[in-house]
Amino acid sequence: MDVKIDPSWKKVLASEFDKPYFAELAGFVRGAYAAGRCFPPAKLIFNAFNRTPFDAVKAVVLGQDPYHEPGQAQGLAFYVPPGVPPPPSLVNIAKELDADTAALRGNRAPGGVPDLLSWTDQGVLLLNATLTVASHRAGSHQGRGWETFTDAVVRALAEGREHLVFILWGSHAQRKGAFIDRARHCVIESAHPSPLSAYRGFFGSRPFSRANDYLSQHGAEPVAW
């Protein structure tokens, strides 16, 4: 697997790329992409890291695995490109953003889908726990090593940086954040924005204003969500 990743992340994660599990993972991914359609496009597997360098991260939004339908996944958790109908989870994220506070809308009209690319440019790492998936098969690349790799990503941020915001939606994300020191970072947990769980604690959780309050209190520029 030809790893194209921002130099800051390549340095931080160098030891992971040399571990046996990653060699096995790379072999699996190469085989899966050769055997059938997988997402995101291979060149975008590490898109989140290339858009948001290690030292630029101030918040992490943690997803589960990429969207598995054609045209959706771009290597960024919850993001789909313009012209692609927003999946239900992204629609619910937009609803919660509207409900959170009008002051956070910026130039986005109420009811519109937020520009997640602008989030990445402002230091929001849109990280999935699993970075690849087979077409039409949700969760198909889980348990192959991606979780170990992205655990290392979260650990590197939690141990190497100060006063970050980790937004953990759903049980998968919350398990991944179990080792984050709450005294050093802000951890915001709620149900996942999926229609199956959004009404069980995602709606009304106000993650965006809570994140910005924490960033402001620690001298960081708030995110224009």
C-alpha atoms as a PDB file:
ATOM      1  CA  MET A   1       0.000   0.000   0.000  1.00  0.00           C
ATOM      2  CA  ASP A   2       1.520   3.292  -1.108  1.00  0.00           C
ATOM      3  CA  VAL A   3       1.057   5.445   1.987  1.00  0.00           C
ATOM      4  CA  LYS A   4       0.727   9.111   1.065  1.00  0.00           C
ATOM      5  CA  ILE A   5       0.313  10.942   4.337  1.00  0.00           C
ATOM      6  CA  ASP A   6       1.188  14.399   5.621  1.00  0.00           C
ATOM      7  CA  PRO A   7       4.822  14.472   6.853  1.00  0.00           C
ATOM      8  CA  SER A   8       3.756  15.487  10.370  1.00  0.00           C
ATOM      9  CA  TRP A   9       1.631  12.362  10.704  1.00  0.00           C
ATOM     10  CA  LYS A  10       4.196  10.189   8.973  1.00  0.00           C
ATOM     11  CA  LYS A  11       6.705  11.179  11.648  1.00  0.00           C
ATOM     12  CA  VAL A  12       4.296  10.669  14.552  1.00  0.00           C
ATOM     13  CA  LEU A  13       3.069   7.299  13.266  1.00  0.00           C
ATOM     14  CA  ALA A  14       6.352   5.991  11.843  1.00  0.00           C
ATOM     15  CA  SER A  15       6.553   3.154  14.346  1.00  0.00           C
ATOM     16  CA  GLU A  16       3.036   1.962  13.411  1.00  0.00           C
ATOM     17  CA  PHE A  17       3.938   1.595   9.745  1.00  0.00           C
ATOM     18  CA  ASP A  18       6.806  -0.711  10.733  1.00  0.00           C
ATOM     19  CA  LYS A  19       4.724  -3.092  12.858  1.00  0.00           C
ATOM     20  CA  PRO A  20       3.694  -6.552  11.619  1.00  0.00           C
ATOM     21  CA  TYR A  21      -0.029  -5.813  11.967  1.00  0.00           C
ATOM     22  CA  PHE A  22       0.263  -2.889   9.559  1.00  0.00           C
ATOM     23  CA  ALA A  23       2.011  -5.039   6.964  1.00  0.00           C
ATOM     24  CA  GLU A  24      -0.856  -7.535   7.249  1.00  0.00           C
ATOM     25  CA  LEU A  25      -3.397  -4.718   7.042  1.00  0.00           C
ATOM     26  CA  ALA A  26      -1.729  -3.241   3.956  1.00  0.00           C
ATOM     27  CA  GLY A  27      -1.771  -6.640   2.273  1.00  0.00           C
ATOM     28  CA  PHE A  28      -5.446  -7.099   3.067  1.00  0.00           C
ATOM     29  CA  VAL A  29      -6.353  -3.649   1.734  1.00  0.00           C
ATOM     30  CA  ARG A  30      -4.362  -4.139  -1.477  1.00  0.00           C
ATOM     31  CA  GLY A  31      -6.093  -7.460  -2.044  1.00  0.00           C
ATOM     32  CA  ALA A  32      -9.533  -6.080  -1.292  1.00  0.00           C
ATOM     33  CA  TYR A  33      -9.138  -3.166  -3.696  1.00  0.00           C
ATOM     34  CA  ALA A  34      -7.800  -5.506  -6.402  1.00  0.00           C
ATOM     35  CA  ALA A  35     -10.650  -7.986  -5.920  1.00  0.00           C
ATOM     36  CA  GLY A  36     -13.607  -5.605  -5.957  1.00  0.00           C
ATOM     37  CA  ARG A  37     -14.863  -2.087  -5.472  1.00  0.00           C
ATOM     38  CA  CYS A  38     -13.893  -0.499  -2.156  1.00  0.00           C
ATOM     39  CA  PHE A  39     -14.204   2.963  -0.680  1.00  0.00           C
ATOM     40  CA  PRO A  40     -12.865   5.577  -0.386  1.00  0.00           C
ATOM     41  CA  PRO A  41     -10.786   5.757  -3.584  1.00  0.00           C
ATOM     42  CA  ALA A  42      -7.327   4.429  -2.702  1.00  0.00           C
ATOM     43  CA  LYS A  43      -5.683   7.816  -3.053  1.00  0.00           C
ATOM     44  CA  LEU A  44      -8.045   9.210  -0.383  1.00  0.00           C
ATOM     45  CA  ILE A  45      -7.624   6.541   2.302  1.00  0.00           C
ATOM     46  CA  PHE A  46      -5.473   8.929   4.371  1.00  0.00           C
ATOM     47  CA  ASN A  47      -7.295  12.097   3.322  1.00  0.00           C
ATOM     48  CA  ALA A  48      -8.126  13.098   6.906  1.00  0.00           C
ATOM     49  CA  PHE A  49      -4.429  13.203   7.798  1.00  0.00           C
ATOM     50  CA  ASN A  50      -3.477  15.140   4.691  1.00  0.00           C
ATOM     51  CA  ARG A  51      -6.137  17.783   5.251  1.00  0.00           C
ATOM     52  CA  THR A  52      -5.413  18.225   8.973  1.00  0.00           C
ATOM     53  CA  PRO A  53      -1.727  17.918   9.987  1.00  0.00           C
ATOM     54  CA  PHE A  54      -0.884  16.672  13.474  1.00  0.00           C
ATOM     55  CA  ASP A  55       0.140  20.058  14.867  1.00  0.00           C
ATOM     56  CA  ALA A  56      -2.967  21.739  13.416  1.00  0.00           C
ATOM     57  CA  VAL A  57      -5.490  19.463  15.133  1.00  0.00           C
ATOM     58  CA  LYS A  58      -7.646  21.120  17.772  1.00  0.00           C
ATOM     59  CA  ALA A  59     -10.694  18.845  17.620  1.00  0.00           C
ATOM     60  CA  VAL A  60     -11.364  15.260  16.575  1.00  0.00           C
ATOM     61  CA  VAL A  61     -14.717  13.974  15.333  1.00  0.00           C
ATOM     62  CA  LEU A  62     -14.607  10.193  15.455  1.00  0.00           C
ATOM     63  CA  GLY A  63     -16.726   8.072  13.153  1.00  0.00           C
ATOM     64  CA  GLN A  64     -17.013   4.311  12.681  1.00  0.00           C
ATOM     65  CA  ASP A  65     -16.278   3.308   9.081  1.00  0.00           C
ATOM     66  CA  PRO A  66     -16.596   4.959   5.649  1.00  0.00           C
ATOM     67  CA  TYR A  67     -19.843   5.269   3.746  1.00  0.00           C
ATOM     68  CA  HIS A  68     -20.171   2.184   1.552  1.00  0.00           C
ATOM     69  CA  GLU A  69     -22.206   3.442  -1.418  1.00  0.00           C
ATOM     70  CA  PRO A  70     -20.644   4.818  -4.637  1.00  0.00           C
ATOM     71  CA  GLY A  71     -19.619   8.473  -4.656  1.00  0.00           C
ATOM     72  CA  GLN A  72     -19.915   9.019  -0.916  1.00  0.00           C
ATOM     73  CA  ALA A  73     -16.696   8.206   0.979  1.00  0.00           C
ATOM     74  CA  GLN A  74     -13.796  10.638   0.604  1.00  0.00           C
ATOM     75  CA  GLY A  75     -11.587   9.592   3.510  1.00  0.00           C
ATOM     76  CA  LEU A  76     -13.216  12.031   5.944  1.00  0.00           C
ATOM     77  CA  ALA A  77     -15.687  10.887   8.599  1.00  0.00           C
ATOM     78  CA  PHE A  78     -19.271  11.927   7.789  1.00  0.00           C
ATOM     79  CA  TYR A  79     -18.288  13.991   4.713  1.00  0.00           C
ATOM     80  CA  VAL A  80     -19.723  13.540   1.223  1.00  0.00           C
ATOM     81  CA  PRO A  81     -18.773  15.721  -1.771  1.00  0.00           C
ATOM     82  CA  PRO A  82     -21.080  18.367  -3.238  1.00  0.00           C
ATOM     83  CA  GLY A  83     -23.860  16.935  -5.365  1.00  0.00           C
ATOM     84  CA  VAL A  84     -24.081  13.701  -3.380  1.00  0.00           C
ATOM     85  CA  PRO A  85     -27.262  13.458  -1.272  1.00  0.00           C
ATOM     86  CA  PRO A  86     -26.282  13.728   2.405  1.00  0.00           C
ATOM     87  CA  PRO A  87     -26.652  10.435   4.280  1.00  0.00           C
ATOM     88  CA  PRO A  88     -29.025  10.386   7.265  1.00  0.00           C
ATOM     89  CA  SER A  89     -26.256  10.781   9.866  1.00  0.00           C
ATOM     90  CA  LEU A  90     -25.005  13.944   8.167  1.00  0.00           C
ATOM     91  CA  VAL A  91     -28.552  15.288   7.962  1.00  0.00           C
ATOM     92  CA  ASN A  92     -28.894  14.770  11.715  1.00  0.00           C
ATOM     93  CA  ILE A  93     -25.546  16.474  12.337  1.00  0.00           C
ATOM     94  CA  ALA A  94     -26.880  19.484  10.435  1.00  0.00           C
ATOM     95  CA  LYS A  95     -30.079  19.451  12.514  1.00  0.00           C
ATOM     96  CA  GLU A  96     -28.128  19.416  15.777  1.00  0.00           C
ATOM     97  CA  LEU A  97     -25.869  22.196  14.541  1.00  0.00           C
ATOM     98  CA  ASP A  98     -28.929  24.308  13.743  1.00  0.00           C
ATOM     99  CA  ALA A  99     -30.386  23.609  17.169  1.00  0.00           C
ATOM    100  CA  ASP A 100     -27.125  24.216  19.017  1.00  0.00           C
ATOM    101  CA  THR A 101     -26.739  27.924  18.383  1.00  0.00           C
ATOM    102  CA  ALA A 102     -27.440  30.238  15.495  1.00  0.00           C
ATOM    103  CA  ALA A 103     -24.136  32.004  16.154  1.00  0.00           C
ATOM    104  CA  LEU A 104     -22.227  28.992  14.880  1.00  0.00           C
ATOM    105  CA  ARG A 105     -23.868  28.907  11.461  1.00  0.00           C
ATOM    106  CA  GLY A 106     -21.540  31.382   9.810  1.00  0.00           C
ATOM    107  CA  ASN A 107     -22.525  31.674   6.161  1.00  0.00           C
ATOM    108  CA  ARG A 108     -24.518  28.447   6.157  1.00  0.00           C
ATOM    109  CA  ALA A 109     -28.272  28.831   5.818  1.00  0.00           C
ATOM    110  CA  PRO A 110     -30.326  27.103   8.528  1.00  0.00           C
ATOM    111  CA  GLY A 111     -31.180  23.602   7.379  1.00  0.00           C
ATOM    112  CA  GLY A 112     -28.171  23.335   5.096  1.00  0.00           C
ATOM    113  CA  VAL A 113     -25.502  20.694   5.415  1.00  0.00           C
ATOM    114  CA  PRO A 114     -22.337  22.084   7.052  1.00  0.00           C
ATOM    115  CA  ASP A 115     -19.149  22.388   5.021  1.00  0.00           C
ATOM    116  CA  LEU A 116     -17.049  19.663   6.589  1.00  0.00           C
ATOM    117  CA  LEU A 117     -14.079  20.542   4.378  1.00  0.00           C
ATOM    118  CA  SER A 118     -13.936  23.915   6.111  1.00  0.00           C
ATOM    119  CA  TRP A 119     -13.895  22.047   9.425  1.00  0.00           C
ATOM    120  CA  THR A 120     -10.761  20.167   8.376  1.00  0.00           C
ATOM    121  CA  ASP A 121      -9.101  23.415   7.311  1.00  0.00           C
ATOM    122  CA  GLN A 122      -9.741  24.788  10.811  1.00  0.00           C
ATOM    123  CA  GLY A 123      -8.125  21.864  12.621  1.00  0.00           C
ATOM    124  CA  VAL A 124     -10.951  19.348  12.912  1.00  0.00           C
ATOM    125  CA  LEU A 125      -9.716  15.821  12.228  1.00  0.00           C
ATOM    126  CA  LEU A 126     -12.571  13.791  10.722  1.00  0.00           C
ATOM    127  CA  LEU A 127     -11.350  10.323  11.664  1.00  0.00           C
ATOM    128  CA  ASN A 128     -13.071   6.999  11.071  1.00  0.00           C
ATOM    129  CA  ALA A 129     -12.101   4.047  13.247  1.00  0.00           C
ATOM    130  CA  THR A 130     -11.845   1.934  10.082  1.00  0.00           C
ATOM    131  CA  LEU A 131     -10.484   3.679   6.992  1.00  0.00           C
ATOM    132  CA  THR A 132     -11.754   1.397   4.199  1.00  0.00           C
ATOM    133  CA  VAL A 133     -14.880  -0.578   3.340  1.00  0.00           C
ATOM    134  CA  ALA A 134     -16.174  -2.832   0.553  1.00  0.00           C
ATOM    135  CA  SER A 135     -18.933  -1.528  -1.685  1.00  0.00           C
ATOM    136  CA  HIS A 136     -22.439  -2.101  -0.250  1.00  0.00           C
ATOM    137  CA  ARG A 137     -21.007  -3.942   2.789  1.00  0.00           C
ATOM    138  CA  ALA A 138     -21.022  -1.797   5.914  1.00  0.00           C
ATOM    139  CA  GLY A 139     -18.334  -2.761   8.408  1.00  0.00           C
ATOM    140  CA  SER A 140     -16.717  -5.230   5.997  1.00  0.00           C
ATOM    141  CA  HIS A 141     -13.135  -4.121   6.774  1.00  0.00           C
ATOM    142  CA  GLN A 142     -13.514  -4.025  10.528  1.00  0.00           C
ATOM    143  CA  GLY A 143     -11.260  -6.279  12.588  1.00  0.00           C
ATOM    144  CA  ARG A 144      -8.426  -6.241  10.047  1.00  0.00           C
ATOM    145  CA  GLY A 145      -6.087  -3.831  11.823  1.00  0.00           C
ATOM    146  CA  TRP A 146      -7.453  -0.385  11.113  1.00  0.00           C
ATOM    147  CA  GLU A 147      -8.746  -0.117  14.661  1.00  0.00           C
ATOM    148  CA  THR A 148      -5.248  -0.695  16.032  1.00  0.00           C
ATOM    149  CA  PHE A 149      -3.878   1.977  13.726  1.00  0.00           C
ATOM    150  CA  THR A 150      -6.519   4.565  14.598  1.00  0.00           C
ATOM    151  CA  ASP A 151      -6.145   3.768  18.310  1.00  0.00           C
ATOM    152  CA  ALA A 152      -2.522   4.822  17.835  1.00  0.00           C
ATOM    153  CA  VAL A 153      -3.703   8.029  16.165  1.00  0.00           C
ATOM    154  CA  VAL A 154      -5.966   8.929  19.081  1.00  0.00           C
ATOM    155  CA  ARG A 155      -3.260   8.008  21.581  1.00  0.00           C
ATOM    156  CA  ALA A 156      -0.670  10.137  19.758  1.00  0.00           C
ATOM    157  CA  LEU A 157      -2.962  13.146  19.941  1.00  0.00           C
ATOM    158  CA  ALA A 158      -4.016  12.533  23.535  1.00  0.00           C
ATOM    159  CA  GLU A 159      -0.425  12.133  24.720  1.00  0.00           C
ATOM    160  CA  GLY A 160       1.377  14.527  22.393  1.00  0.00           C
ATOM    161  CA  ARG A 161      -0.944  17.506  22.442  1.00  0.00           C
ATOM    162  CA  GLU A 162      -2.785  19.566  25.069  1.00  0.00           C
ATOM    163  CA  HIS A 163      -6.349  20.875  25.328  1.00  0.00           C
ATOM    164  CA  LEU A 164      -7.902  19.128  22.356  1.00  0.00           C
ATOM    165  CA  VAL A 165     -11.597  18.381  21.944  1.00  0.00           C
ATOM    166  CA  PHE A 166     -12.578  14.777  21.220  1.00  0.00           C
ATOM    167  CA  ILE A 167     -16.163  14.388  19.983  1.00  0.00           C
ATOM    168  CA  LEU A 168     -17.155  10.750  20.397  1.00  0.00           C
ATOM    169  CA  TRP A 169     -20.497   9.749  18.896  1.00  0.00           C
ATOM    170  CA  GLY A 170     -21.711   6.254  19.666  1.00  0.00           C
ATOM    171  CA  SER A 171     -20.313   3.298  21.581  1.00  0.00           C
ATOM    172  CA  HIS A 172     -17.550   2.490  19.074  1.00  0.00           C
ATOM    173  CA  ALA A 173     -16.110   5.987  19.339  1.00  0.00           C
ATOM    174  CA  GLN A 174     -16.478   6.061  23.108  1.00  0.00           C
ATOM    175  CA  ARG A 175     -14.534   2.829  23.523  1.00  0.00           C
ATOM    176  CA  LYS A 176     -11.791   4.357  21.412  1.00  0.00           C
ATOM    177  CA  GLY A 177     -11.593   7.318  23.755  1.00  0.00           C
ATOM    178  CA  ALA A 178     -11.322   5.308  26.954  1.00  0.00           C
ATOM    179  CA  PHE A 179      -7.633   6.168  27.444  1.00  0.00           C
ATOM    180  CA  ILE A 180      -7.929   9.929  26.836  1.00  0.00           C
ATOM    181  CA  ASP A 181      -6.926  11.943  29.914  1.00  0.00           C
ATOM    182  CA  ARG A 182      -9.967  14.097  30.717  1.00  0.00           C
ATOM    183  CA  ALA A 183      -7.768  16.419  32.757  1.00  0.00           C
ATOM    184  CA  ARG A 184      -5.784  17.357  29.640  1.00  0.00           C
ATOM    185  CA  HIS A 185      -8.531  17.297  27.025  1.00  0.00           C
ATOM    186  CA  CYS A 186     -12.247  17.857  26.575  1.00  0.00           C
ATOM    187  CA  VAL A 187     -14.186  14.690  25.754  1.00  0.00           C
ATOM    188  CA  ILE A 188     -17.748  15.136  24.488  1.00  0.00           C
ATOM    189  CA  GLU A 189     -19.743  11.907  24.308  1.00  0.00           C
ATOM    190  CA  SER A 190     -23.252  11.201  23.089  1.00  0.00           C
ATOM    191  CA  ALA A 191     -25.285   8.764  21.032  1.00  0.00           C
ATOM    192  CA  HIS A 192     -24.419   8.412  17.358  1.00  0.00           C
ATOM    193  CA  PRO A 193     -26.185  10.739  14.866  1.00  0.00           C
ATOM    194  CA  SER A 194     -27.571   7.735  12.983  1.00  0.00           C
ATOM    195  CA  PRO A 195     -31.392   7.712  12.773  1.00  0.00           C
ATOM    196  CA  LEU A 196     -31.258   4.522  14.842  1.00  0.00           C
ATOM    197  CA  SER A 197     -29.839   6.349  17.854  1.00  0.00           C
ATOM    198  CA  ALA A 198     -29.957  10.127  17.348  1.00  0.00           C
ATOM    199  CA  TYR A 199     -33.038  10.530  19.544  1.00  0.00           C
ATOM    200  CA  ARG A 200     -31.330   8.664  22.387  1.00  0.00           C
ATOM    201  CA  GLY A 201     -28.979  11.483  23.306  1.00  0.00           C
ATOM    202  CA  PHE A 202     -27.395  12.935  20.187  1.00  0.00           C
ATOM    203  CA  PHE A 203     -30.072  15.568  19.670  1.00  0.00           C
ATOM    204  CA  GLY A 204     -29.699  18.172  22.374  1.00  0.00           C
ATOM    205  CA  SER A 205     -26.092  17.277  23.210  1.00  0.00           C
ATOM    206  CA  ARG A 206     -24.776  20.621  21.831  1.00  0.00           C
ATOM    207  CA  PRO A 207     -21.302  19.331  20.908  1.00  0.00           C
ATOM    208  CA  PHE A 208     -20.403  22.303  18.722  1.00  0.00           C
ATOM    209  CA  SER A 209     -20.924  25.090  21.225  1.00  0.00           C
ATOM    210  CA  ARG A 210     -19.401  22.965  24.005  1.00  0.00           C
ATOM    211  CA  ALA A 211     -16.321  22.388  21.885  1.00  0.00           C
ATOM    212  CA  ASN A 212     -15.974  26.070  21.126  1.00  0.00           C
ATOM    213  CA  ASP A 213     -16.430  27.040  24.768  1.00  0.00           C
ATOM    214  CA  TYR A 214     -13.541  24.737  25.701  1.00  0.00           C
ATOM    215  CA  LEU A 215     -11.296  25.939  22.884  1.00  0.00           C
ATOM    216  CA  SER A 216     -11.929  29.577  23.814  1.00  0.00           C
ATOM    217  CA  GLN A 217     -11.188  28.906  27.474  1.00  0.00           C
ATOM    218  CA  HIS A 218      -7.810  27.451  26.495  1.00  0.00           C
ATOM    219  CA  GLY A 219      -6.734  30.162  24.108  1.00  0.00           C
ATOM    220  CA  ALA A 220      -7.624  28.456  20.826  1.00  0.00           C
ATOM    221  CA  GLU A 221      -9.677  29.921  18.001  1.00  0.00           C
ATOM    222  CA  PRO A 222     -13.226  28.515  18.008  1.00  0.00           C
ATOM    223  CA  VAL A 223     -14.357  26.529  14.977  1.00  0.00           C
ATOM    224  CA  ALA A 224     -16.752  28.197  12.530  1.00  0.00           C
ATOM    225  CA  TRP A 225     -18.939  25.114  12.351  1.00  0.00           C
END
